[in-house]
């Protein structure tokens, strides 16, 4: 299972349409650290299926979402619960760190 690609059009509906926590990765193709996070997020998407949703937003394609959440550095990951941001994580983190953030 791969992370879900979110767009400006699908972002709000996707987050409000689930009762699972959602980890959203704000990233860009040119970002080296973002590429380091990709395999970790792929693993999480598979392992957390049914318990949490893993999603990605390409900030170059959707700068409105970048501005909306005040993203200044990437990768930035935001954990949403009930459609609301509850935790913001910046930089490359381990799978265990992200699992703990999702469970909190």
PDB file of N, CA and C in Angstrom:
ATOM      1  N   UNK A   1       0.842  -1.189   0.000  1.00  0.00           N
ATOM      2  CA  UNK A   1       0.000   0.000   0.000  1.00  0.00           C
ATOM      3  C   UNK A   1       0.879   1.242   0.000  1.00  0.00           C
ATOM      4  N   UNK A   2       0.496   2.215  -0.775  1.00  0.00           N
ATOM      5  CA  UNK A   2       1.239   3.474  -0.877  1.00  0.00           C
ATOM      6  C   UNK A   2       0.471   4.580  -0.178  1.00  0.00           C
ATOM      7  N   UNK A   3       1.168   5.631   0.242  1.00  0.00           N
ATOM      8  CA  UNK A   3       0.456   6.788   0.780  1.00  0.00           C
ATOM      9  C   UNK A   3      -0.502   7.360  -0.276  1.00  0.00           C
ATOM     10  N   UNK A   4      -1.567   7.979   0.184  1.00  0.00           N
ATOM     11  CA  UNK A   4      -2.560   8.591  -0.686  1.00  0.00           C
ATOM     12  C   UNK A   4      -2.070   9.982  -1.084  1.00  0.00           C
ATOM     13  N   UNK A   5      -2.125  10.301  -2.368  1.00  0.00           N
ATOM     14  CA  UNK A   5      -1.754  11.638  -2.830  1.00  0.00           C
ATOM     15  C   UNK A   5      -2.962  12.554  -2.674  1.00  0.00           C
ATOM     16  N   UNK A   6      -2.795  13.610  -1.880  1.00  0.00           N
ATOM     17  CA  UNK A   6      -3.876  14.566  -1.669  1.00  0.00           C
ATOM     18  C   UNK A   6      -3.674  15.798  -2.546  1.00  0.00           C
ATOM     19  N   UNK A   7      -4.784  16.397  -2.957  1.00  0.00           N
ATOM     20  CA  UNK A   7      -4.767  17.618  -3.747  1.00  0.00           C
ATOM     21  C   UNK A   7      -5.567  18.680  -3.000  1.00  0.00           C
ATOM     22  N   UNK A   8      -5.545  19.889  -3.512  1.00  0.00           N
ATOM     23  CA  UNK A   8      -6.357  20.957  -2.919  1.00  0.00           C
ATOM     24  C   UNK A   8      -7.829  20.559  -2.912  1.00  0.00           C
ATOM     25  N   UNK A   9      -8.246  19.841  -3.957  1.00  0.00           N
ATOM     26  CA  UNK A   9      -9.648  19.451  -4.100  1.00  0.00           C
ATOM     27  C   UNK A   9     -10.037  18.300  -3.165  1.00  0.00           C
ATOM     28  N   UNK A  10      -9.106  17.403  -2.852  1.00  0.00           N
ATOM     29  CA  UNK A  10      -9.455  16.210  -2.068  1.00  0.00           C
ATOM     30  C   UNK A  10      -9.057  16.295  -0.595  1.00  0.00           C
ATOM     31  N   UNK A  11      -8.263  17.283  -0.232  1.00  0.00           N
ATOM     32  CA  UNK A  11      -7.685  17.346   1.109  1.00  0.00           C
ATOM     33  C   UNK A  11      -8.747  17.317   2.210  1.00  0.00           C
ATOM     34  N   UNK A  12      -9.642  18.299   2.220  1.00  0.00           N
ATOM     35  CA  UNK A  12     -10.622  18.409   3.311  1.00  0.00           C
ATOM     36  C   UNK A  12     -11.573  17.223   3.352  1.00  0.00           C
ATOM     37  N   UNK A  13     -12.043  16.776   2.191  1.00  0.00           N
ATOM     38  CA  UNK A  13     -12.989  15.655   2.146  1.00  0.00           C
ATOM     39  C   UNK A  13     -12.335  14.379   2.661  1.00  0.00           C
ATOM     40  N   UNK A  14     -11.073  14.167   2.320  1.00  0.00           N
ATOM     41  CA  UNK A  14     -10.367  12.967   2.769  1.00  0.00           C
ATOM     42  C   UNK A  14     -10.199  12.986   4.280  1.00  0.00           C
ATOM     43  N   UNK A  15      -9.763  14.120   4.827  1.00  0.00           N
ATOM     44  CA  UNK A  15      -9.533  14.196   6.274  1.00  0.00           C
ATOM     45  C   UNK A  15     -10.828  14.134   7.069  1.00  0.00           C
ATOM     46  N   UNK A  16     -11.887  14.741   6.562  1.00  0.00           N
ATOM     47  CA  UNK A  16     -13.141  14.715   7.316  1.00  0.00           C
ATOM     48  C   UNK A  16     -13.894  13.403   7.105  1.00  0.00           C
ATOM     49  N   UNK A  17     -13.473  12.634   6.101  1.00  0.00           N
ATOM     50  CA  UNK A  17     -14.179  11.396   5.787  1.00  0.00           C
ATOM     51  C   UNK A  17     -13.655  10.171   6.504  1.00  0.00           C
ATOM     52  N   UNK A  18     -12.763  10.348   7.471  1.00  0.00           N
ATOM     53  CA  UNK A  18     -12.217   9.201   8.195  1.00  0.00           C
ATOM     54  C   UNK A  18     -12.172   9.484   9.689  1.00  0.00           C
ATOM     55  N   UNK A  19     -12.317   8.420  10.479  1.00  0.00           N
ATOM     56  CA  UNK A  19     -12.159   8.579  11.924  1.00  0.00           C
ATOM     57  C   UNK A  19     -10.768   8.114  12.359  1.00  0.00           C
ATOM     58  N   UNK A  20      -9.943   7.722  11.386  1.00  0.00           N
ATOM     59  CA  UNK A  20      -8.572   7.297  11.678  1.00  0.00           C
ATOM     60  C   UNK A  20      -7.659   8.524  11.739  1.00  0.00           C
ATOM     61  N   UNK A  21      -6.571   8.429  12.498  1.00  0.00           N
ATOM     62  CA  UNK A  21      -5.577   9.503  12.417  1.00  0.00           C
ATOM     63  C   UNK A  21      -4.973   9.515  11.006  1.00  0.00           C
ATOM     64  N   UNK A  22      -4.613  10.699  10.541  1.00  0.00           N
ATOM     65  CA  UNK A  22      -4.028  10.855   9.209  1.00  0.00           C
ATOM     66  C   UNK A  22      -2.686  11.554   9.357  1.00  0.00           C
ATOM     67  N   UNK A  23      -1.634  10.924   8.819  1.00  0.00           N
ATOM     68  CA  UNK A  23      -0.305  11.523   8.781  1.00  0.00           C
ATOM     69  C   UNK A  23      -0.095  12.068   7.381  1.00  0.00           C
ATOM     70  N   UNK A  24       0.031  13.394   7.269  1.00  0.00           N
ATOM     71  CA  UNK A  24       0.204  14.027   5.964  1.00  0.00           C
ATOM     72  C   UNK A  24       1.647  14.503   5.835  1.00  0.00           C
ATOM     73  N   UNK A  25       2.308  14.037   4.780  1.00  0.00           N
ATOM     74  CA  UNK A  25       3.687  14.405   4.469  1.00  0.00           C
ATOM     75  C   UNK A  25       3.661  15.526   3.434  1.00  0.00           C
ATOM     76  N   UNK A  26       4.152  16.706   3.804  1.00  0.00           N
ATOM     77  CA  UNK A  26       4.302  17.809   2.856  1.00  0.00           C
ATOM     78  C   UNK A  26       5.719  17.702   2.298  1.00  0.00           C
ATOM     79  N   UNK A  27       5.839  17.511   0.988  1.00  0.00           N
ATOM     80  CA  UNK A  27       7.114  17.171   0.362  1.00  0.00           C
ATOM     81  C   UNK A  27       7.234  17.834  -1.009  1.00  0.00           C
ATOM     82  N   UNK A  28       8.406  17.660  -1.637  1.00  0.00           N
ATOM     83  CA  UNK A  28       8.638  18.107  -3.014  1.00  0.00           C
ATOM     84  C   UNK A  28       9.623  17.144  -3.673  1.00  0.00           C
ATOM     85  N   UNK A  29       9.508  17.020  -4.988  1.00  0.00           N
ATOM     86  CA  UNK A  29      10.340  16.095  -5.759  1.00  0.00           C
ATOM     87  C   UNK A  29      11.832  16.398  -5.607  1.00  0.00           C
ATOM     88  N   UNK A  30      12.198  17.670  -5.485  1.00  0.00           N
ATOM     89  CA  UNK A  30      13.602  18.081  -5.439  1.00  0.00           C
ATOM     90  C   UNK A  30      14.218  17.962  -4.045  1.00  0.00           C
ATOM     91  N   UNK A  31      13.451  17.569  -3.063  1.00  0.00           N
ATOM     92  CA  UNK A  31      13.888  17.554  -1.661  1.00  0.00           C
ATOM     93  C   UNK A  31      14.546  16.218  -1.305  1.00  0.00           C
ATOM     94  N   UNK A  32      15.854  16.239  -1.058  1.00  0.00           N
ATOM     95  CA  UNK A  32      16.582  15.024  -0.697  1.00  0.00           C
ATOM     96  C   UNK A  32      16.059  14.350   0.564  1.00  0.00           C
ATOM     97  N   UNK A  33      15.899  15.090   1.670  1.00  0.00           N
ATOM     98  CA  UNK A  33      15.366  14.467   2.883  1.00  0.00           C
ATOM     99  C   UNK A  33      13.961  13.874   2.680  1.00  0.00           C
ATOM    100  N   UNK A  34      13.169  14.499   1.804  1.00  0.00           N
ATOM    101  CA  UNK A  34      11.828  13.960   1.510  1.00  0.00           C
ATOM    102  C   UNK A  34      11.954  12.576   0.875  1.00  0.00           C
ATOM    103  N   UNK A  35      12.941  12.433  -0.006  1.00  0.00           N
ATOM    104  CA  UNK A  35      13.161  11.134  -0.660  1.00  0.00           C
ATOM    105  C   UNK A  35      13.609  10.090   0.357  1.00  0.00           C
ATOM    106  N   UNK A  36      14.328  10.519   1.392  1.00  0.00           N
ATOM    107  CA  UNK A  36      14.737   9.597   2.451  1.00  0.00           C
ATOM    108  C   UNK A  36      13.524   9.110   3.244  1.00  0.00           C
ATOM    109  N   UNK A  37      12.520   9.957   3.385  1.00  0.00           N
ATOM    110  CA  UNK A  37      11.313   9.605   4.138  1.00  0.00           C
ATOM    111  C   UNK A  37      10.380   8.673   3.350  1.00  0.00           C
ATOM    112  N   UNK A  38      10.446   8.715   2.023  1.00  0.00           N
ATOM    113  CA  UNK A  38       9.481   7.986   1.187  1.00  0.00           C
ATOM    114  C   UNK A  38       9.373   6.500   1.526  1.00  0.00           C
ATOM    115  N   UNK A  39      10.483   5.742   1.643  1.00  0.00           N
ATOM    116  CA  UNK A  39      10.322   4.320   1.959  1.00  0.00           C
ATOM    117  C   UNK A  39       9.740   4.073   3.349  1.00  0.00           C
ATOM    118  N   UNK A  40      10.031   4.963   4.293  1.00  0.00           N
ATOM    119  CA  UNK A  40       9.470   4.832   5.647  1.00  0.00           C
ATOM    120  C   UNK A  40       7.958   5.031   5.592  1.00  0.00           C
ATOM    121  N   UNK A  41       7.520   6.028   4.834  1.00  0.00           N
ATOM    122  CA  UNK A  41       6.090   6.306   4.709  1.00  0.00           C
ATOM    123  C   UNK A  41       5.375   5.187   3.954  1.00  0.00           C
ATOM    124  N   UNK A  42       6.038   4.605   2.953  1.00  0.00           N
ATOM    125  CA  UNK A  42       5.461   3.457   2.238  1.00  0.00           C
ATOM    126  C   UNK A  42       5.242   2.297   3.210  1.00  0.00           C
ATOM    127  N   UNK A  43       6.239   2.029   4.055  1.00  0.00           N
ATOM    128  CA  UNK A  43       6.123   0.958   5.059  1.00  0.00           C
ATOM    129  C   UNK A  43       4.980   1.240   6.026  1.00  0.00           C
ATOM    130  N   UNK A  44       4.921   2.461   6.515  1.00  0.00           N
ATOM    131  CA  UNK A  44       3.859   2.836   7.454  1.00  0.00           C
ATOM    132  C   UNK A  44       2.483   2.682   6.813  1.00  0.00           C
ATOM    133  N   UNK A  45       2.359   3.085   5.551  1.00  0.00           N
ATOM    134  CA  UNK A  45       1.066   2.992   4.862  1.00  0.00           C
ATOM    135  C   UNK A  45       0.587   1.549   4.832  1.00  0.00           C
ATOM    136  N   UNK A  46       1.511   0.623   4.612  1.00  0.00           N
ATOM    137  CA  UNK A  46       1.164  -0.800   4.580  1.00  0.00           C
ATOM    138  C   UNK A  46       0.840  -1.314   5.981  1.00  0.00           C
ATOM    139  N   UNK A  47       1.716  -1.017   6.934  1.00  0.00           N
ATOM    140  CA  UNK A  47       1.575  -1.560   8.288  1.00  0.00           C
ATOM    141  C   UNK A  47       0.410  -0.942   9.061  1.00  0.00           C
ATOM    142  N   UNK A  48       0.064   0.299   8.763  1.00  0.00           N
ATOM    143  CA  UNK A  48      -0.996   0.989   9.507  1.00  0.00           C
ATOM    144  C   UNK A  48      -2.359   0.890   8.815  1.00  0.00           C
ATOM    145  N   UNK A  49      -2.423   0.177   7.698  1.00  0.00           N
ATOM    146  CA  UNK A  49      -3.687   0.077   6.954  1.00  0.00           C
ATOM    147  C   UNK A  49      -4.809  -0.395   7.879  1.00  0.00           C
ATOM    148  N   UNK A  50      -5.921   0.344   7.855  1.00  0.00           N
ATOM    149  CA  UNK A  50      -7.044   0.015   8.722  1.00  0.00           C
ATOM    150  C   UNK A  50      -6.989   0.695  10.083  1.00  0.00           C
ATOM    151  N   UNK A  51      -5.802   1.229  10.439  1.00  0.00           N
ATOM    152  CA  UNK A  51      -5.644   1.911  11.733  1.00  0.00           C
ATOM    153  C   UNK A  51      -5.341   3.392  11.574  1.00  0.00           C
ATOM    154  N   UNK A  52      -4.616   3.727  10.506  1.00  0.00           N
ATOM    155  CA  UNK A  52      -4.236   5.116  10.245  1.00  0.00           C
ATOM    156  C   UNK A  52      -4.068   5.296   8.745  1.00  0.00           C
ATOM    157  N   UNK A  53      -4.185   6.524   8.305  1.00  0.00           N
ATOM    158  CA  UNK A  53      -4.024   6.839   6.893  1.00  0.00           C
ATOM    159  C   UNK A  53      -2.737   7.638   6.719  1.00  0.00           C
ATOM    160  N   UNK A  54      -1.970   7.283   5.700  1.00  0.00           N
ATOM    161  CA  UNK A  54      -0.748   8.010   5.375  1.00  0.00           C
ATOM    162  C   UNK A  54      -1.004   8.713   4.040  1.00  0.00           C
ATOM    163  N   UNK A  55      -0.722  10.007   3.999  1.00  0.00           N
ATOM    164  CA  UNK A  55      -1.006  10.794   2.801  1.00  0.00           C
ATOM    165  C   UNK A  55       0.153  11.731   2.508  1.00  0.00           C
ATOM    166  N   UNK A  56       0.206  12.217   1.255  1.00  0.00           N
ATOM    167  CA  UNK A  56       1.275  13.118   0.838  1.00  0.00           C
ATOM    168  C   UNK A  56       0.679  14.302   0.091  1.00  0.00           C
ATOM    169  N   UNK A  57       1.307  15.468   0.263  1.00  0.00           N
ATOM    170  CA  UNK A  57       0.945  16.669  -0.485  1.00  0.00           C
ATOM    171  C   UNK A  57       2.223  17.207  -1.126  1.00  0.00           C
ATOM    172  N   UNK A  58       2.228  17.300  -2.450  1.00  0.00           N
ATOM    173  CA  UNK A  58       3.345  17.882  -3.191  1.00  0.00           C
ATOM    174  C   UNK A  58       3.195  19.406  -3.114  1.00  0.00           C
ATOM    175  N   UNK A  59       4.092  20.056  -2.371  1.00  0.00           N
ATOM    176  CA  UNK A  59       3.932  21.498  -2.145  1.00  0.00           C
ATOM    177  C   UNK A  59       4.151  22.314  -3.416  1.00  0.00           C
ATOM    178  N   UNK A  60       4.882  21.772  -4.387  1.00  0.00           N
ATOM    179  CA  UNK A  60       5.056  22.497  -5.651  1.00  0.00           C
ATOM    180  C   UNK A  60       3.759  22.503  -6.452  1.00  0.00           C
ATOM    181  N   UNK A  61       2.999  21.422  -6.368  1.00  0.00           N
ATOM    182  CA  UNK A  61       1.731  21.331  -7.088  1.00  0.00           C
ATOM    183  C   UNK A  61       0.599  22.030  -6.341  1.00  0.00           C
ATOM    184  N   UNK A  62       0.694  22.081  -5.011  1.00  0.00           N
ATOM    185  CA  UNK A  62      -0.401  22.637  -4.189  1.00  0.00           C
ATOM    186  C   UNK A  62       0.136  23.635  -3.162  1.00  0.00           C
ATOM    187  N   UNK A  63       0.674  24.765  -3.649  1.00  0.00           N
ATOM    188  CA  UNK A  63       1.228  25.760  -2.718  1.00  0.00           C
ATOM    189  C   UNK A  63       0.170  26.352  -1.796  1.00  0.00           C
ATOM    190  N   UNK A  64      -1.105  26.266  -2.172  1.00  0.00           N
ATOM    191  CA  UNK A  64      -2.170  26.769  -1.294  1.00  0.00           C
ATOM    192  C   UNK A  64      -2.215  25.966   0.000  1.00  0.00           C
ATOM    193  N   UNK A  65      -2.004  24.645  -0.084  1.00  0.00           N
ATOM    194  CA  UNK A  65      -1.998  23.809   1.127  1.00  0.00           C
ATOM    195  C   UNK A  65      -0.747  24.083   1.957  1.00  0.00           C
ATOM    196  N   UNK A  66       0.367  24.328   1.277  1.00  0.00           N
ATOM    197  CA  UNK A  66       1.594  24.680   1.986  1.00  0.00           C
ATOM    198  C   UNK A  66       1.371  25.965   2.796  1.00  0.00           C
ATOM    199  N   UNK A  67       0.767  26.964   2.172  1.00  0.00           N
ATOM    200  CA  UNK A  67       0.526  28.239   2.844  1.00  0.00           C
ATOM    201  C   UNK A  67      -0.501  28.074   3.970  1.00  0.00           C
ATOM    202  N   UNK A  68      -1.535  27.300   3.721  1.00  0.00           N
ATOM    203  CA  UNK A  68      -2.603  27.114   4.704  1.00  0.00           C
ATOM    204  C   UNK A  68      -2.081  26.566   6.027  1.00  0.00           C
ATOM    205  N   UNK A  69      -1.100  25.664   5.948  1.00  0.00           N
ATOM    206  CA  UNK A  69      -0.571  25.042   7.162  1.00  0.00           C
ATOM    207  C   UNK A  69       0.771  25.621   7.591  1.00  0.00           C
ATOM    208  N   UNK A  70       1.194  26.710   6.953  1.00  0.00           N
ATOM    209  CA  UNK A  70       2.406  27.417   7.369  1.00  0.00           C
ATOM    210  C   UNK A  70       3.667  26.589   7.217  1.00  0.00           C
ATOM    211  N   UNK A  71       3.728  25.786   6.170  1.00  0.00           N
ATOM    212  CA  UNK A  71       4.897  24.923   5.954  1.00  0.00           C
ATOM    213  C   UNK A  71       6.056  25.783   5.463  1.00  0.00           C
ATOM    214  N   UNK A  72       7.148  25.819   6.230  1.00  0.00           N
ATOM    215  CA  UNK A  72       8.315  26.618   5.867  1.00  0.00           C
ATOM    216  C   UNK A  72       9.517  25.754   5.517  1.00  0.00           C
ATOM    217  N   UNK A  73       9.512  24.509   5.977  1.00  0.00           N
ATOM    218  CA  UNK A  73      10.617  23.584   5.716  1.00  0.00           C
ATOM    219  C   UNK A  73      10.021  22.220   5.394  1.00  0.00           C
ATOM    220  N   UNK A  74      10.691  21.485   4.519  1.00  0.00           N
ATOM    221  CA  UNK A  74      10.207  20.138   4.208  1.00  0.00           C
ATOM    222  C   UNK A  74      11.349  19.145   4.391  1.00  0.00           C
ATOM    223  N   UNK A  75      11.052  17.903   4.736  1.00  0.00           N
ATOM    224  CA  UNK A  75       9.700  17.399   4.931  1.00  0.00           C
ATOM    225  C   UNK A  75       9.085  17.891   6.248  1.00  0.00           C
ATOM    226  N   UNK A  76       7.816  18.253   6.170  1.00  0.00           N
ATOM    227  CA  UNK A  76       7.009  18.508   7.360  1.00  0.00           C
ATOM    228  C   UNK A  76       5.860  17.515   7.333  1.00  0.00           C
ATOM    229  N   UNK A  77       5.651  16.834   8.446  1.00  0.00           N
ATOM    230  CA  UNK A  77       4.560  15.875   8.562  1.00  0.00           C
ATOM    231  C   UNK A  77       3.609  16.377   9.642  1.00  0.00           C
ATOM    232  N   UNK A  78       2.322  16.352   9.340  1.00  0.00           N
ATOM    233  CA  UNK A  78       1.323  16.785  10.314  1.00  0.00           C
ATOM    234  C   UNK A  78       0.376  15.622  10.581  1.00  0.00           C
ATOM    235  N   UNK A  79       0.173  15.326  11.861  1.00  0.00           N
ATOM    236  CA  UNK A  79      -0.805  14.313  12.258  1.00  0.00           C
ATOM    237  C   UNK A  79      -2.132  15.034  12.484  1.00  0.00           C
ATOM    238  N   UNK A  80      -3.179  14.534  11.812  1.00  0.00           N
ATOM    239  CA  UNK A  80      -4.525  15.075  11.960  1.00  0.00           C
ATOM    240  C   UNK A  80      -5.392  14.038  12.663  1.00  0.00           C
ATOM    241  N   UNK A  81      -6.208  14.507  13.589  1.00  0.00           N
ATOM    242  CA  UNK A  81      -7.226  13.651  14.223  1.00  0.00           C
ATOM    243  C   UNK A  81      -8.541  14.401  14.156  1.00  0.00           C
ATOM    244  N   UNK A  82      -9.570  13.711  13.690  1.00  0.00           N
ATOM    245  CA  UNK A  82     -10.880  14.344  13.495  1.00  0.00           C
ATOM    246  C   UNK A  82     -10.778  15.586  12.617  1.00  0.00           C
ATOM    247  N   UNK A  83      -9.895  15.525  11.615  1.00  0.00           N
ATOM    248  CA  UNK A  83      -9.744  16.620  10.660  1.00  0.00           C
ATOM    249  C   UNK A  83      -8.943  17.804  11.153  1.00  0.00           C
ATOM    250  N   UNK A  84      -8.444  17.727  12.399  1.00  0.00           N
ATOM    251  CA  UNK A  84      -7.698  18.845  12.988  1.00  0.00           C
ATOM    252  C   UNK A  84      -6.233  18.481  13.189  1.00  0.00           C
ATOM    253  N   UNK A  85      -5.304  19.414  12.899  1.00  0.00           N
ATOM    254  CA  UNK A  85      -3.886  19.125  13.142  1.00  0.00           C
ATOM    255  C   UNK A  85      -3.605  19.030  14.642  1.00  0.00           C
ATOM    256  N   UNK A  86      -2.930  17.959  15.052  1.00  0.00           N
ATOM    257  CA  UNK A  86      -2.628  17.776  16.471  1.00  0.00           C
ATOM    258  C   UNK A  86      -1.125  17.685  16.749  1.00  0.00           C
ATOM    259  N   UNK A  87      -0.324  17.459  15.700  1.00  0.00           N
ATOM    260  CA  UNK A  87       1.113  17.322  15.911  1.00  0.00           C
ATOM    261  C   UNK A  87       1.827  17.659  14.609  1.00  0.00           C
ATOM    262  N   UNK A  88       2.839  18.529  14.688  1.00  0.00           N
ATOM    263  CA  UNK A  88       3.633  18.882  13.515  1.00  0.00           C
ATOM    264  C   UNK A  88       5.060  18.403  13.735  1.00  0.00           C
ATOM    265  N   UNK A  89       5.583  17.690  12.742  1.00  0.00           N
ATOM    266  CA  UNK A  89       6.916  17.084  12.824  1.00  0.00           C
ATOM    267  C   UNK A  89       7.713  17.580  11.620  1.00  0.00           C
ATOM    268  N   UNK A  90       8.895  18.131  11.870  1.00  0.00           N
ATOM    269  CA  UNK A  90       9.724  18.624  10.775  1.00  0.00           C
ATOM    270  C   UNK A  90      11.014  17.815  10.708  1.00  0.00           C
ATOM    271  N   UNK A  91      11.414  17.476   9.484  1.00  0.00           N
ATOM    272  CA  UNK A  91      12.669  16.767   9.271  1.00  0.00           C
ATOM    273  C   UNK A  91      12.481  15.267   9.156  1.00  0.00           C
ATOM    274  N   UNK A  92      13.581  14.598   8.883  1.00  0.00           N
ATOM    275  CA  UNK A  92      13.571  13.144   8.721  1.00  0.00           C
ATOM    276  C   UNK A  92      13.449  12.490  10.095  1.00  0.00           C
ATOM    277  N   UNK A  93      12.501  11.597  10.226  1.00  0.00           N
ATOM    278  CA  UNK A  93      12.272  10.893  11.492  1.00  0.00           C
ATOM    279  C   UNK A  93      12.209   9.389  11.233  1.00  0.00           C
ATOM    280  N   UNK A  94      12.429   8.617  12.282  1.00  0.00           N
ATOM    281  CA  UNK A  94      12.393   7.157  12.180  1.00  0.00           C
ATOM    282  C   UNK A  94      10.945   6.667  12.107  1.00  0.00           C
ATOM    283  N   UNK A  95      10.798   5.440  11.640  1.00  0.00           N
ATOM    284  CA  UNK A  95       9.467   4.831  11.584  1.00  0.00           C
ATOM    285  C   UNK A  95       8.866   4.753  12.990  1.00  0.00           C
ATOM    286  N   UNK A  96       9.665   4.382  13.974  1.00  0.00           N
ATOM    287  CA  UNK A  96       9.188   4.282  15.349  1.00  0.00           C
ATOM    288  C   UNK A  96       8.688   5.611  15.882  1.00  0.00           C
ATOM    289  N   UNK A  97       9.413   6.685  15.570  1.00  0.00           N
ATOM    290  CA  UNK A  97       8.998   8.022  15.993  1.00  0.00           C
ATOM    291  C   UNK A  97       7.627   8.356  15.415  1.00  0.00           C
ATOM    292  N   UNK A  98       7.436   8.053  14.119  1.00  0.00           N
ATOM    293  CA  UNK A  98       6.158   8.358  13.462  1.00  0.00           C
ATOM    294  C   UNK A  98       5.025   7.469  13.985  1.00  0.00           C
ATOM    295  N   UNK A  99       5.341   6.219  14.288  1.00  0.00           N
ATOM    296  CA  UNK A  99       4.326   5.321  14.869  1.00  0.00           C
ATOM    297  C   UNK A  99       3.845   5.871  16.204  1.00  0.00           C
ATOM    298  N   UNK A 100       4.772   6.357  17.024  1.00  0.00           N
ATOM    299  CA  UNK A 100       4.427   6.935  18.324  1.00  0.00           C
ATOM    300  C   UNK A 100       3.571   8.191  18.139  1.00  0.00           C
ATOM    301  N   UNK A 101       3.931   9.025  17.159  1.00  0.00           N
ATOM    302  CA  UNK A 101       3.169  10.252  16.901  1.00  0.00           C
ATOM    303  C   UNK A 101       1.738   9.921  16.474  1.00  0.00           C
ATOM    304  N   UNK A 102       1.576   8.886  15.673  1.00  0.00           N
ATOM    305  CA  UNK A 102       0.237   8.484  15.220  1.00  0.00           C
ATOM    306  C   UNK A 102      -0.602   7.943  16.374  1.00  0.00           C
ATOM    307  N   UNK A 103       0.041   7.258  17.303  1.00  0.00           N
ATOM    308  CA  UNK A 103      -0.677   6.613  18.409  1.00  0.00           C
ATOM    309  C   UNK A 103      -1.027   7.591  19.529  1.00  0.00           C
ATOM    310  N   UNK A 104      -0.333   8.721  19.577  1.00  0.00           N
ATOM    311  CA  UNK A 104      -0.530   9.688  20.677  1.00  0.00           C
ATOM    312  C   UNK A 104      -1.911  10.301  20.669  1.00  0.00           C
TER     313      UNK A 104
END
